[in-house]
C-alpha atoms as a PDB file:
ATOM      1  CA  MET A   1     -56.881 -39.579  30.424  1.00  0.00           C
ATOM      2  CA  GLN A   2     -57.820 -37.137  33.176  1.00  0.00           C
ATOM      3  CA  ALA A   3     -54.825 -34.942  32.361  1.00  0.00           C
ATOM      4  CA  TRP A   4     -55.653 -35.217  28.647  1.00  0.00           C
ATOM      5  CA  ASN A   5     -59.226 -34.060  29.205  1.00  0.00           C
ATOM      6  CA  ALA A   6     -58.082 -31.244  31.468  1.00  0.00           C
ATOM      7  CA  LEU A   7     -55.621 -30.022  28.849  1.00  0.00           C
ATOM      8  CA  PHE A   8     -57.972 -29.904  25.880  1.00  0.00           C
ATOM      9  CA  GLY A   9     -61.355 -29.551  27.581  1.00  0.00           C
ATOM     10  CA  VAL A  10     -63.156 -31.218  24.690  1.00  0.00           C
ATOM     11  CA  THR A  11     -63.780 -34.730  23.400  1.00  0.00           C
ATOM     12  CA  LYS A  12     -61.539 -35.765  20.493  1.00  0.00           C
ATOM     13  CA  PRO A  13     -59.626 -32.464  20.129  1.00  0.00           C
ATOM     14  CA  VAL A  14     -58.536 -31.273  16.699  1.00  0.00           C
ATOM     15  CA  ILE A  15     -55.062 -29.711  16.705  1.00  0.00           C
ATOM     16  CA  GLY A  16     -54.209 -27.382  13.816  1.00  0.00           C
ATOM     17  CA  MET A  17     -50.656 -27.143  12.484  1.00  0.00           C
ATOM     18  CA  ILE A  18     -48.916 -23.796  12.129  1.00  0.00           C
ATOM     19  CA  HIS A  19     -45.909 -24.313   9.877  1.00  0.00           C
ATOM     20  CA  VAL A  20     -43.735 -21.388  10.938  1.00  0.00           C
ATOM     21  CA  ALA A  21     -41.939 -19.587   8.097  1.00  0.00           C
ATOM     22  CA  ALA A  22     -38.281 -20.489   7.504  1.00  0.00           C
ATOM     23  CA  LEU A  23     -36.219 -19.334  10.469  1.00  0.00           C
ATOM     24  CA  PRO A  24     -32.860 -17.490  10.549  1.00  0.00           C
ATOM     25  CA  GLY A  25     -29.888 -19.532   9.364  1.00  0.00           C
ATOM     26  CA  THR A  26     -31.930 -22.030   7.321  1.00  0.00           C
ATOM     27  CA  PRO A  27     -31.713 -22.236   3.500  1.00  0.00           C
ATOM     28  CA  ALA A  28     -35.159 -20.773   2.760  1.00  0.00           C
ATOM     29  CA  HIS A  29     -35.090 -17.979   5.347  1.00  0.00           C
ATOM     30  CA  HIS A  30     -35.958 -14.559   3.916  1.00  0.00           C
ATOM     31  CA  LEU A  31     -38.528 -12.850   6.137  1.00  0.00           C
ATOM     32  CA  PRO A  32     -37.824 -10.397   8.977  1.00  0.00           C
ATOM     33  CA  VAL A  33     -38.294 -11.817  12.455  1.00  0.00           C
ATOM     34  CA  SER A  34     -41.298  -9.582  13.129  1.00  0.00           C
ATOM     35  CA  THR A  35     -43.023 -10.808   9.973  1.00  0.00           C
ATOM     36  CA  ILE A  36     -42.471 -14.449  10.922  1.00  0.00           C
ATOM     37  CA  VAL A  37     -44.105 -13.836  14.298  1.00  0.00           C
ATOM     38  CA  ASP A  38     -46.989 -11.830  12.821  1.00  0.00           C
ATOM     39  CA  GLN A  39     -47.652 -14.494  10.190  1.00  0.00           C
ATOM     40  CA  ALA A  40     -47.838 -17.266  12.799  1.00  0.00           C
ATOM     41  CA  VAL A  41     -50.208 -15.216  14.958  1.00  0.00           C
ATOM     42  CA  ALA A  42     -52.413 -14.447  11.951  1.00  0.00           C
ATOM     43  CA  GLU A  43     -52.648 -18.154  11.113  1.00  0.00           C
ATOM     44  CA  ALA A  44     -53.466 -18.977  14.730  1.00  0.00           C
ATOM     45  CA  ARG A  45     -56.335 -16.507  14.663  1.00  0.00           C
ATOM     46  CA  ILE A  46     -57.693 -18.043  11.449  1.00  0.00           C
ATOM     47  CA  TYR A  47     -57.732 -21.439  13.124  1.00  0.00           C
ATOM     48  CA  GLN A  48     -59.362 -20.097  16.261  1.00  0.00           C
ATOM     49  CA  ALA A  49     -62.085 -18.229  14.352  1.00  0.00           C
ATOM     50  CA  ALA A  50     -62.890 -21.414  12.399  1.00  0.00           C
ATOM     51  CA  GLY A  51     -63.368 -23.391  15.619  1.00  0.00           C
ATOM     52  CA  ILE A  52     -60.134 -25.382  16.010  1.00  0.00           C
ATOM     53  CA  ASP A  53     -59.525 -26.826  19.489  1.00  0.00           C
ATOM     54  CA  ALA A  54     -55.735 -26.486  19.829  1.00  0.00           C
ATOM     55  CA  LEU A  55     -52.591 -25.522  17.927  1.00  0.00           C
ATOM     56  CA  LEU A  56     -49.205 -27.088  17.176  1.00  0.00           C
ATOM     57  CA  LEU A  57     -46.216 -25.048  15.964  1.00  0.00           C
ATOM     58  CA  GLU A  58     -43.596 -26.651  13.730  1.00  0.00           C
ATOM     59  CA  ASN A  59     -40.519 -25.390  11.877  1.00  0.00           C
ATOM     60  CA  MET A  60     -41.266 -27.407   8.740  1.00  0.00           C
ATOM     61  CA  HIS A  61     -40.028 -24.685   6.364  1.00  0.00           C
ATOM     62  CA  ASP A  62     -36.499 -25.080   7.799  1.00  0.00           C
ATOM     63  CA  LEU A  63     -35.716 -28.030   5.537  1.00  0.00           C
ATOM     64  CA  PRO A  64     -33.398 -29.782   5.042  1.00  0.00           C
ATOM     65  CA  TYR A  65     -33.273 -30.608   8.739  1.00  0.00           C
ATOM     66  CA  LEU A  66     -30.420 -31.505  11.040  1.00  0.00           C
ATOM     67  CA  PRO A  67     -30.707 -34.912  12.738  1.00  0.00           C
ATOM     68  CA  GLY A  68     -31.731 -34.490  16.365  1.00  0.00           C
ATOM     69  CA  ARG A  69     -30.589 -30.926  16.890  1.00  0.00           C
ATOM     70  CA  VAL A  70     -31.024 -27.270  15.931  1.00  0.00           C
ATOM     71  CA  GLY A  71     -29.035 -24.122  16.567  1.00  0.00           C
ATOM     72  CA  PRO A  72     -29.855 -21.737  19.438  1.00  0.00           C
ATOM     73  CA  GLU A  73     -31.317 -19.273  16.940  1.00  0.00           C
ATOM     74  CA  ILE A  74     -34.083 -21.770  16.105  1.00  0.00           C
ATOM     75  CA  THR A  75     -34.872 -22.461  19.751  1.00  0.00           C
ATOM     76  CA  ALA A  76     -35.003 -18.737  20.513  1.00  0.00           C
ATOM     77  CA  MET A  77     -37.222 -17.943  17.533  1.00  0.00           C
ATOM     78  CA  MET A  78     -39.670 -20.771  18.225  1.00  0.00           C
ATOM     79  CA  ALA A  79     -40.005 -19.572  21.827  1.00  0.00           C
ATOM     80  CA  VAL A  80     -40.795 -16.042  20.646  1.00  0.00           C
ATOM     81  CA  VAL A  81     -43.333 -17.315  18.112  1.00  0.00           C
ATOM     82  CA  GLY A  82     -44.886 -19.716  20.601  1.00  0.00           C
ATOM     83  CA  ARG A  83     -45.285 -17.050  23.258  1.00  0.00           C
ATOM     84  CA  ALA A  84     -46.983 -14.731  20.782  1.00  0.00           C
ATOM     85  CA  VAL A  85     -49.384 -17.401  19.502  1.00  0.00           C
ATOM     86  CA  LYS A  86     -50.325 -18.518  23.007  1.00  0.00           C
ATOM     87  CA  ALA A  87     -50.943 -14.915  24.113  1.00  0.00           C
ATOM     88  CA  ALA A  88     -53.051 -14.166  21.032  1.00  0.00           C
ATOM     89  CA  THR A  89     -55.364 -17.178  21.283  1.00  0.00           C
ATOM     90  CA  GLY A  90     -55.217 -18.743  24.735  1.00  0.00           C
ATOM     91  CA  LEU A  91     -55.739 -22.114  23.067  1.00  0.00           C
ATOM     92  CA  PRO A  92     -53.900 -25.265  24.169  1.00  0.00           C
ATOM     93  CA  CYS A  93     -50.694 -25.113  22.183  1.00  0.00           C
ATOM     94  CA  GLY A  94     -47.726 -27.368  21.519  1.00  0.00           C
ATOM     95  CA  VAL A  95     -44.486 -27.329  19.574  1.00  0.00           C
ATOM     96  CA  GLN A  96     -42.439 -29.692  17.454  1.00  0.00           C
ATOM     97  CA  ILE A  97     -38.910 -28.878  16.316  1.00  0.00           C
ATOM     98  CA  LEU A  98     -37.558 -30.836  13.370  1.00  0.00           C
ATOM     99  CA  ALA A  99     -35.908 -33.129  13.161  1.00  0.00           C
ATOM    100  CA  ALA A 100     -36.347 -34.801  16.541  1.00  0.00           C
ATOM    101  CA  ALA A 101     -34.932 -31.773  18.369  1.00  0.00           C
ATOM    102  CA  ASN A 102     -37.018 -32.792  21.349  1.00  0.00           C
ATOM    103  CA  ARG A 103     -34.973 -31.239  24.160  1.00  0.00           C
ATOM    104  CA  GLU A 104     -35.096 -27.923  22.356  1.00  0.00           C
ATOM    105  CA  ALA A 105     -38.867 -28.305  21.945  1.00  0.00           C
ATOM    106  CA  LEU A 106     -39.240 -28.823  25.688  1.00  0.00           C
ATOM    107  CA  ALA A 107     -37.157 -25.717  26.374  1.00  0.00           C
ATOM    108  CA  VAL A 108     -39.337 -23.729  23.968  1.00  0.00           C
ATOM    109  CA  ALA A 109     -42.540 -25.014  25.555  1.00  0.00           C
ATOM    110  CA  LEU A 110     -41.342 -24.062  29.025  1.00  0.00           C
ATOM    111  CA  ALA A 111     -40.179 -20.583  27.987  1.00  0.00           C
ATOM    112  CA  ALA A 112     -43.282 -19.849  25.913  1.00  0.00           C
ATOM    113  CA  GLY A 113     -45.862 -21.237  28.331  1.00  0.00           C
ATOM    114  CA  LEU A 114     -46.962 -23.983  25.946  1.00  0.00           C
ATOM    115  CA  ASP A 115     -48.723 -27.169  26.954  1.00  0.00           C
ATOM    116  CA  PHE A 116     -47.136 -30.090  25.084  1.00  0.00           C
ATOM    117  CA  ILE A 117     -44.526 -31.136  22.572  1.00  0.00           C
ATOM    118  CA  ARG A 118     -44.587 -33.605  19.701  1.00  0.00           C
ATOM    119  CA  ALA A 119     -41.500 -35.791  19.843  1.00  0.00           C
ATOM    120  CA  GLU A 120     -39.995 -38.041  17.188  1.00  0.00           C
ATOM    121  CA  ALA A 121     -37.561 -40.917  17.813  1.00  0.00           C
ATOM    122  CA  PHE A 122     -38.807 -41.519  21.353  1.00  0.00           C
ATOM    123  CA  VAL A 123     -38.112 -45.245  21.331  1.00  0.00           C
ATOM    124  CA  PHE A 124     -35.933 -47.326  18.982  1.00  0.00           C
ATOM    125  CA  GLY A 125     -33.525 -45.843  16.456  1.00  0.00           C
ATOM    126  CA  HIS A 126     -34.815 -44.464  13.165  1.00  0.00           C
ATOM    127  CA  VAL A 127     -33.155 -44.140   9.781  1.00  0.00           C
ATOM    128  CA  ALA A 128     -34.774 -40.900   8.659  1.00  0.00           C
ATOM    129  CA  ASP A 129     -34.175 -38.764   5.599  1.00  0.00           C
ATOM    130  CA  GLU A 130     -32.103 -36.535   7.901  1.00  0.00           C
ATOM    131  CA  GLY A 131     -29.912 -39.484   8.887  1.00  0.00           C
ATOM    132  CA  TRP A 132     -29.760 -41.709  11.963  1.00  0.00           C
ATOM    133  CA  LEU A 133     -31.949 -40.625  14.889  1.00  0.00           C
ATOM    134  CA  GLN A 134     -31.189 -42.198  18.236  1.00  0.00           C
ATOM    135  CA  ALA A 135     -33.959 -43.063  20.699  1.00  0.00           C
ATOM    136  CA  GLN A 136     -34.371 -40.231  23.212  1.00  0.00           C
ATOM    137  CA  ALA A 137     -36.877 -41.282  25.874  1.00  0.00           C
ATOM    138  CA  GLY A 138     -34.395 -41.658  28.727  1.00  0.00           C
ATOM    139  CA  GLU A 139     -32.576 -38.378  28.150  1.00  0.00           C
ATOM    140  CA  LEU A 140     -35.740 -36.460  27.298  1.00  0.00           C
ATOM    141  CA  LEU A 141     -37.703 -37.391  30.411  1.00  0.00           C
ATOM    142  CA  ARG A 142     -34.703 -36.704  32.617  1.00  0.00           C
ATOM    143  CA  TYR A 143     -34.285 -33.307  30.971  1.00  0.00           C
ATOM    144  CA  ARG A 144     -37.975 -32.528  31.524  1.00  0.00           C
ATOM    145  CA  ARG A 145     -37.506 -33.283  35.207  1.00  0.00           C
ATOM    146  CA  GLN A 146     -34.316 -31.227  35.460  1.00  0.00           C
ATOM    147  CA  ILE A 147     -35.877 -28.061  34.035  1.00  0.00           C
ATOM    148  CA  GLY A 148     -39.129 -28.349  35.989  1.00  0.00           C
ATOM    149  CA  ALA A 149     -41.281 -28.983  32.928  1.00  0.00           C
ATOM    150  CA  GLU A 150     -43.181 -32.071  34.062  1.00  0.00           C
ATOM    151  CA  HIS A 151     -46.470 -30.265  33.469  1.00  0.00           C
ATOM    152  CA  ILE A 152     -45.681 -30.255  29.723  1.00  0.00           C
ATOM    153  CA  GLY A 153     -47.009 -33.300  27.881  1.00  0.00           C
ATOM    154  CA  ILE A 154     -44.783 -35.344  25.576  1.00  0.00           C
ATOM    155  CA  PHE A 155     -46.788 -36.882  22.725  1.00  0.00           C
ATOM    156  CA  THR A 156     -44.677 -39.232  20.668  1.00  0.00           C
ATOM    157  CA  ASP A 157     -44.773 -40.561  17.125  1.00  0.00           C
ATOM    158  CA  ILE A 158     -44.917 -44.351  17.221  1.00  0.00           C
ATOM    159  CA  LYS A 159     -42.875 -44.622  14.035  1.00  0.00           C
ATOM    160  CA  LYS A 160     -41.479 -41.482  12.444  1.00  0.00           C
ATOM    161  CA  LYS A 161     -42.712 -40.387   9.022  1.00  0.00           C
ATOM    162  CA  HIS A 162     -40.231 -40.057   6.150  1.00  0.00           C
ATOM    163  CA  SER A 163     -38.158 -42.888   7.567  1.00  0.00           C
ATOM    164  CA  ALA A 164     -36.981 -46.406   6.839  1.00  0.00           C
ATOM    165  CA  HIS A 165     -37.652 -48.899   9.607  1.00  0.00           C
ATOM    166  CA  ALA A 166     -35.595 -51.808   8.318  1.00  0.00           C
ATOM    167  CA  VAL A 167     -33.399 -51.759  11.436  1.00  0.00           C
ATOM    168  CA  THR A 168     -36.485 -52.448  13.563  1.00  0.00           C
ATOM    169  CA  ALA A 169     -38.366 -54.570  11.043  1.00  0.00           C
ATOM    170  CA  ASP A 170     -38.776 -57.312  13.649  1.00  0.00           C
ATOM    171  CA  VAL A 171     -40.517 -54.859  16.010  1.00  0.00           C
ATOM    172  CA  ASP A 172     -44.005 -54.145  14.730  1.00  0.00           C
ATOM    173  CA  LEU A 173     -46.146 -51.066  15.286  1.00  0.00           C
ATOM    174  CA  VAL A 174     -47.943 -52.492  18.299  1.00  0.00           C
ATOM    175  CA  GLU A 175     -44.729 -53.512  20.052  1.00  0.00           C
ATOM    176  CA  THR A 176     -43.287 -50.066  19.352  1.00  0.00           C
ATOM    177  CA  ALA A 177     -46.399 -48.485  20.859  1.00  0.00           C
ATOM    178  CA  ARG A 178     -46.082 -50.709  23.924  1.00  0.00           C
ATOM    179  CA  ALA A 179     -42.439 -49.714  24.294  1.00  0.00           C
ATOM    180  CA  ALA A 180     -43.340 -46.024  24.135  1.00  0.00           C
ATOM    181  CA  ALA A 181     -46.017 -46.535  26.789  1.00  0.00           C
ATOM    182  CA  PHE A 182     -43.576 -48.464  28.982  1.00  0.00           C
ATOM    183  CA  PHE A 183     -41.065 -45.619  28.609  1.00  0.00           C
ATOM    184  CA  ARG A 184     -43.664 -43.153  29.931  1.00  0.00           C
ATOM    185  CA  SER A 185     -44.922 -41.390  26.822  1.00  0.00           C
ATOM    186  CA  ASP A 186     -47.920 -39.165  27.597  1.00  0.00           C
ATOM    187  CA  GLY A 187     -49.653 -39.952  24.313  1.00  0.00           C
ATOM    188  CA  LEU A 188     -49.024 -41.703  21.010  1.00  0.00           C
ATOM    189  CA  ILE A 189     -49.228 -40.364  17.456  1.00  0.00           C
ATOM    190  CA  LEU A 190     -50.039 -42.636  14.542  1.00  0.00           C
ATOM    191  CA  THR A 191     -49.206 -41.390  11.037  1.00  0.00           C
ATOM    192  CA  GLY A 192     -48.925 -42.415   7.429  1.00  0.00           C
ATOM    193  CA  VAL A 193     -45.542 -42.814   5.778  1.00  0.00           C
ATOM    194  CA  ALA A 194     -45.204 -39.113   4.833  1.00  0.00           C
ATOM    195  CA  THR A 195     -46.704 -35.677   5.412  1.00  0.00           C
ATOM    196  CA  GLY A 196     -50.333 -35.741   4.327  1.00  0.00           C
ATOM    197  CA  ALA A 197     -50.383 -39.531   3.895  1.00  0.00           C
ATOM    198  CA  PRO A 198     -53.290 -41.227   5.681  1.00  0.00           C
ATOM    199  CA  ALA A 199     -52.842 -43.511   8.652  1.00  0.00           C
ATOM    200  CA  ASP A 200     -54.230 -47.042   8.667  1.00  0.00           C
ATOM    201  CA  PRO A 201     -57.524 -47.582  10.562  1.00  0.00           C
ATOM    202  CA  THR A 202     -56.586 -51.226  11.165  1.00  0.00           C
ATOM    203  CA  ALA A 203     -53.342 -50.096  12.800  1.00  0.00           C
ATOM    204  CA  ALA A 204     -55.262 -47.625  14.953  1.00  0.00           C
ATOM    205  CA  ARG A 205     -57.504 -50.411  16.228  1.00  0.00           C
ATOM    206  CA  ALA A 206     -54.506 -52.605  17.018  1.00  0.00           C
ATOM    207  CA  VAL A 207     -52.712 -49.856  18.932  1.00  0.00           C
ATOM    208  CA  ARG A 208     -55.917 -48.968  20.802  1.00  0.00           C
ATOM    209  CA  ALA A 209     -56.231 -52.578  21.974  1.00  0.00           C
ATOM    210  CA  ALA A 210     -52.598 -52.686  23.093  1.00  0.00           C
ATOM    211  CA  VAL A 211     -52.071 -49.502  25.134  1.00  0.00           C
ATOM    212  CA  ASP A 212     -53.959 -47.382  27.629  1.00  0.00           C
ATOM    213  CA  LEU A 213     -52.724 -43.993  26.445  1.00  0.00           C
ATOM    214  CA  PRO A 214     -54.280 -41.179  24.422  1.00  0.00           C
ATOM    215  CA  ILE A 215     -53.819 -41.802  20.696  1.00  0.00           C
ATOM    216  CA  LEU A 216     -53.699 -39.090  18.036  1.00  0.00           C
ATOM    217  CA  ILE A 217     -53.876 -39.449  14.274  1.00  0.00           C
ATOM    218  CA  GLY A 218     -50.992 -37.310  13.048  1.00  0.00           C
ATOM    219  CA  SER A 219     -51.313 -37.143   9.268  1.00  0.00           C
ATOM    220  CA  GLY A 220     -53.687 -37.385   6.357  1.00  0.00           C
ATOM    221  CA  ILE A 221     -57.007 -36.691   8.097  1.00  0.00           C
ATOM    222  CA  THR A 222     -59.902 -35.430   5.955  1.00  0.00           C
ATOM    223  CA  PRO A 223     -63.596 -35.026   6.819  1.00  0.00           C
ATOM    224  CA  GLU A 224     -64.320 -38.262   4.995  1.00  0.00           C
ATOM    225  CA  GLN A 225     -61.773 -40.194   7.086  1.00  0.00           C
ATOM    226  CA  VAL A 226     -62.845 -38.943  10.515  1.00  0.00           C
ATOM    227  CA  PRO A 227     -65.480 -41.701  11.001  1.00  0.00           C
ATOM    228  CA  ASP A 228     -62.889 -44.393  10.213  1.00  0.00           C
ATOM    229  CA  PHE A 229     -60.850 -43.409  13.275  1.00  0.00           C
ATOM    230  CA  PHE A 230     -63.237 -41.662  15.635  1.00  0.00           C
ATOM    231  CA  ASP A 231     -63.991 -44.586  17.953  1.00  0.00           C
ATOM    232  CA  GLN A 232     -60.367 -45.744  18.116  1.00  0.00           C
ATOM    233  CA  VAL A 233     -58.435 -42.531  18.827  1.00  0.00           C
ATOM    234  CA  ASP A 234     -58.545 -39.549  21.158  1.00  0.00           C
ATOM    235  CA  GLY A 235     -57.762 -36.676  18.804  1.00  0.00           C
ATOM    236  CA  PHE A 236     -56.436 -35.486  15.468  1.00  0.00           C
ATOM    237  CA  ILE A 237     -53.475 -33.384  14.302  1.00  0.00           C
ATOM    238  CA  VAL A 238     -54.340 -31.709  11.010  1.00  0.00           C
ATOM    239  CA  GLY A 239     -52.072 -29.881   8.605  1.00  0.00           C
ATOM    240  CA  SER A 240     -52.306 -30.554   4.887  1.00  0.00           C
ATOM    241  CA  TYR A 241     -56.074 -30.839   4.452  1.00  0.00           C
ATOM    242  CA  VAL A 242     -56.885 -27.614   6.315  1.00  0.00           C
ATOM    243  CA  LYS A 243     -54.492 -25.493   4.237  1.00  0.00           C
ATOM    244  CA  VAL A 244     -55.333 -23.672   0.999  1.00  0.00           C
ATOM    245  CA  GLY A 245     -55.416 -26.254  -1.792  1.00  0.00           C
ATOM    246  CA  GLY A 246     -54.723 -29.038   0.687  1.00  0.00           C
ATOM    247  CA  HIS A 247     -50.960 -28.363   0.769  1.00  0.00           C
ATOM    248  CA  TRP A 248     -49.055 -27.999   4.034  1.00  0.00           C
ATOM    249  CA  SER A 249     -47.024 -24.990   2.897  1.00  0.00           C
ATOM    250  CA  GLU A 250     -50.055 -22.748   2.321  1.00  0.00           C
ATOM    251  CA  ALA A 251     -52.073 -20.638   4.780  1.00  0.00           C
ATOM    252  CA  PRO A 252     -54.973 -22.145   6.746  1.00  0.00           C
ATOM    253  CA  ASP A 253     -58.240 -22.191   4.813  1.00  0.00           C
ATOM    254  CA  PRO A 254     -61.231 -21.246   7.037  1.00  0.00           C
ATOM    255  CA  GLU A 255     -63.674 -23.159   4.851  1.00  0.00           C
ATOM    256  CA  ARG A 256     -61.629 -26.369   4.997  1.00  0.00           C
ATOM    257  CA  ILE A 257     -61.125 -26.037   8.752  1.00  0.00           C
ATOM    258  CA  SER A 258     -64.855 -25.538   9.280  1.00  0.00           C
ATOM    259  CA  ARG A 259     -65.637 -28.555   7.105  1.00  0.00           C
ATOM    260  CA  LEU A 260     -63.316 -30.771   9.136  1.00  0.00           C
ATOM    261  CA  MET A 261     -64.592 -29.455  12.465  1.00  0.00           C
ATOM    262  CA  ALA A 262     -68.173 -30.124  11.352  1.00  0.00           C
ATOM    263  CA  ALA A 263     -67.273 -33.742  10.590  1.00  0.00           C
ATOM    264  CA  VAL A 264     -65.800 -34.143  14.082  1.00  0.00           C
ATOM    265  CA  SER A 265     -68.674 -32.306  15.787  1.00  0.00           C
ATOM    266  CA  ARG A 266     -71.242 -34.627  14.245  1.00  0.00           C
ATOM    267  CA  LEU A 267     -69.615 -37.570  16.038  1.00  0.00           C
ATOM    268  CA  ARG A 268     -68.859 -35.959  19.386  1.00  0.00           C
END
């Protein structure tokens, strides 16, 4: 927890999602590179002005995703965007590259001077809507060591959203969390079943009792739900609620961000 507190510098940090515009080579790509960078920086500044604690970049507009990999053009673009966002705000900043392109995310974080990554499919295999995702903990932590990126945190989804878990139906959420902790995750992320879907407060309490790692709620948080989780978790990743109209694909809404931050501040 000492490293966690040093990274964020605040109790129960709120991490705002920047969903980077569709990148070159993906089906929805249409913007010039400079516009993609400028748009991400503009969104980062909206978050910062509204009082957000940290930022997380994600290539969510690149759908449909490839299972466990991306092309070099995506890695290069996310590094450029990440560097620009970090320079513009100075906030703690992380990156996730879909789907489960965790090695590429680490490379981006190192090149861009970012602080952490969000990793899917860390332990146990997942049947995701992209296809089969193999567990990556062993390769990922070795890769982090090889490239000298051990200062970059790896925060891992306990069970990936948008996935079937029938293959691991005999391994419950708590056992999965324990496995991730045993395999040296730096923090755990608890989500609902899909983007914007709320997590389960009962599950948060169970995971909190089982592991001694930072826990983040990674989907579905609203101001009304903050008290349900506040005593059980160590931070929040917010995307859908803080966007215009409450939809992940829109721009950040300063009023919604401020409303959520006020709910957190009242309990800090």
